[in-house]
Amino acid sequence: MTPSDADALLGPVLDDLPPEAAAQALAQVINRAAARLHALSRAQAAARKDQPDWPQWAQLQNAARALVLHASTCRDLAARLASRDS
């Protein structure tokens, strides 16, 4: 998947939303994607223990864990923006 493919997926979801709702939608997508990436990388790192590609999966798992934490903060902040306008 290329960046333009990702933009094509997001466009229909975001194009007609006001900025606060778009921020909330993006933050939700980021949070769920980060959680899935963390689960995938954790499972692959566990399955590949003692194999040559294990370090890459373990590094991805660590980065994805940090991403989950940041994405959760983004999701919460975007939800506050969206609720402010309700």
C-alpha atoms as a PDB file:
ATOM      1  CA  MET A   1       0.000   0.000   0.000  1.00  0.00           C
ATOM      2  CA  THR A   2       1.288   3.407  -0.945  1.00  0.00           C
ATOM      3  CA  PRO A   3       0.593   6.738   0.794  1.00  0.00           C
ATOM      4  CA  SER A   4      -1.771   7.648  -2.050  1.00  0.00           C
ATOM      5  CA  ASP A   5      -3.659   4.369  -1.495  1.00  0.00           C
ATOM      6  CA  ALA A   6      -4.074   5.270   2.178  1.00  0.00           C
ATOM      7  CA  ASP A   7      -5.259   8.756   1.234  1.00  0.00           C
ATOM      8  CA  ALA A   8      -7.787   7.209  -1.150  1.00  0.00           C
ATOM      9  CA  LEU A   9      -9.164   5.077   1.697  1.00  0.00           C
ATOM     10  CA  LEU A  10      -9.409   8.006   4.087  1.00  0.00           C
ATOM     11  CA  GLY A  11     -10.809  10.569   1.685  1.00  0.00           C
ATOM     12  CA  PRO A  12     -14.411   9.312   1.554  1.00  0.00           C
ATOM     13  CA  VAL A  13     -14.519   9.096   5.349  1.00  0.00           C
ATOM     14  CA  LEU A  14     -13.156  12.580   5.985  1.00  0.00           C
ATOM     15  CA  ASP A  15     -14.048  14.784   3.034  1.00  0.00           C
ATOM     16  CA  ASP A  16     -17.421  16.037   4.270  1.00  0.00           C
ATOM     17  CA  LEU A  17     -16.625  16.239   7.987  1.00  0.00           C
ATOM     18  CA  PRO A  18     -16.016  19.433   9.922  1.00  0.00           C
ATOM     19  CA  PRO A  19     -12.461  19.715  11.314  1.00  0.00           C
ATOM     20  CA  GLU A  20     -13.336  18.515  14.826  1.00  0.00           C
ATOM     21  CA  ALA A  21     -15.143  15.423  13.559  1.00  0.00           C
ATOM     22  CA  ALA A  22     -12.346  14.708  11.055  1.00  0.00           C
ATOM     23  CA  ALA A  23      -9.791  14.935  13.870  1.00  0.00           C
ATOM     24  CA  GLN A  24     -11.834  12.519  15.965  1.00  0.00           C
ATOM     25  CA  ALA A  25     -12.248  10.076  13.055  1.00  0.00           C
ATOM     26  CA  LEU A  26      -8.541  10.171  12.209  1.00  0.00           C
ATOM     27  CA  ALA A  27      -7.570   9.693  15.853  1.00  0.00           C
ATOM     28  CA  GLN A  28      -9.877   6.660  16.093  1.00  0.00           C
ATOM     29  CA  VAL A  29      -8.393   5.142  12.928  1.00  0.00           C
ATOM     30  CA  ILE A  30      -4.851   5.790  14.157  1.00  0.00           C
ATOM     31  CA  ASN A  31      -5.627   4.256  17.534  1.00  0.00           C
ATOM     32  CA  ARG A  32      -7.147   1.094  16.056  1.00  0.00           C
ATOM     33  CA  ALA A  33      -4.395   0.752  13.453  1.00  0.00           C
ATOM     34  CA  ALA A  34      -1.731   1.150  16.137  1.00  0.00           C
ATOM     35  CA  ALA A  35      -3.408  -1.480  18.322  1.00  0.00           C
ATOM     36  CA  ARG A  36      -3.579  -3.921  15.414  1.00  0.00           C
ATOM     37  CA  LEU A  37       0.030  -3.249  14.440  1.00  0.00           C
ATOM     38  CA  HIS A  38       1.101  -3.886  18.026  1.00  0.00           C
ATOM     39  CA  ALA A  39      -0.848  -7.157  18.196  1.00  0.00           C
ATOM     40  CA  LEU A  40       0.556  -8.316  14.848  1.00  0.00           C
ATOM     41  CA  SER A  41       4.143  -7.445  15.697  1.00  0.00           C
ATOM     42  CA  ARG A  42       3.882  -8.966  19.191  1.00  0.00           C
ATOM     43  CA  ALA A  43       2.568 -12.240  17.743  1.00  0.00           C
ATOM     44  CA  GLN A  44       5.245 -12.327  15.038  1.00  0.00           C
ATOM     45  CA  ALA A  45       8.029 -11.521  17.493  1.00  0.00           C
ATOM     46  CA  ALA A  46       6.849 -14.353  19.737  1.00  0.00           C
ATOM     47  CA  ALA A  47       6.598 -16.773  16.801  1.00  0.00           C
ATOM     48  CA  ARG A  48      10.047 -15.854  15.462  1.00  0.00           C
ATOM     49  CA  LYS A  49      12.046 -16.010  18.689  1.00  0.00           C
ATOM     50  CA  ASP A  50      15.619 -17.155  17.973  1.00  0.00           C
ATOM     51  CA  GLN A  51      15.193 -16.627  14.214  1.00  0.00           C
ATOM     52  CA  PRO A  52      17.222 -14.105  12.197  1.00  0.00           C
ATOM     53  CA  ASP A  53      14.293 -11.723  11.646  1.00  0.00           C
ATOM     54  CA  TRP A  54      13.195 -11.693  15.305  1.00  0.00           C
ATOM     55  CA  PRO A  55      14.996  -8.413  16.139  1.00  0.00           C
ATOM     56  CA  GLN A  56      13.105  -6.498  13.460  1.00  0.00           C
ATOM     57  CA  TRP A  57       9.758  -7.792  14.708  1.00  0.00           C
ATOM     58  CA  ALA A  58      10.713  -7.034  18.316  1.00  0.00           C
ATOM     59  CA  GLN A  59      11.742  -3.497  17.361  1.00  0.00           C
ATOM     60  CA  LEU A  60       8.465  -3.014  15.507  1.00  0.00           C
ATOM     61  CA  GLN A  61       6.586  -4.301  18.544  1.00  0.00           C
ATOM     62  CA  ASN A  62       8.335  -1.761  20.788  1.00  0.00           C
ATOM     63  CA  ALA A  63       7.670   1.118  18.384  1.00  0.00           C
ATOM     64  CA  ALA A  64       4.025   0.061  17.970  1.00  0.00           C
ATOM     65  CA  ARG A  65       3.560  -0.059  21.758  1.00  0.00           C
ATOM     66  CA  ALA A  66       4.748   3.560  21.986  1.00  0.00           C
ATOM     67  CA  LEU A  67       2.474   4.440  19.066  1.00  0.00           C
ATOM     68  CA  VAL A  68      -0.532   2.947  20.892  1.00  0.00           C
ATOM     69  CA  LEU A  69       0.158   5.222  23.864  1.00  0.00           C
ATOM     70  CA  HIS A  70       0.471   8.330  21.692  1.00  0.00           C
ATOM     71  CA  ALA A  71      -2.549   7.377  19.592  1.00  0.00           C
ATOM     72  CA  SER A  72      -4.650   6.953  22.731  1.00  0.00           C
ATOM     73  CA  THR A  73      -3.718  10.457  23.813  1.00  0.00           C
ATOM     74  CA  CYS A  74      -4.599  11.800  20.355  1.00  0.00           C
ATOM     75  CA  ARG A  75      -7.925   9.968  20.452  1.00  0.00           C
ATOM     76  CA  ASP A  76      -8.789  11.440  23.859  1.00  0.00           C
ATOM     77  CA  LEU A  77      -7.794  14.973  22.855  1.00  0.00           C
ATOM     78  CA  ALA A  78      -9.705  14.785  19.579  1.00  0.00           C
ATOM     79  CA  ALA A  79     -12.784  13.509  21.448  1.00  0.00           C
ATOM     80  CA  ARG A  80     -12.592  16.548  23.727  1.00  0.00           C
ATOM     81  CA  LEU A  81     -12.489  18.822  20.670  1.00  0.00           C
ATOM     82  CA  ALA A  82     -15.496  17.104  19.146  1.00  0.00           C
ATOM     83  CA  SER A  83     -17.511  17.169  22.374  1.00  0.00           C
ATOM     84  CA  ARG A  84     -16.777  20.871  22.840  1.00  0.00           C
ATOM     85  CA  ASP A  85     -18.844  21.625  19.752  1.00  0.00           C
ATOM     86  CA  SER A  86     -21.785  19.362  20.684  1.00  0.00           C
END
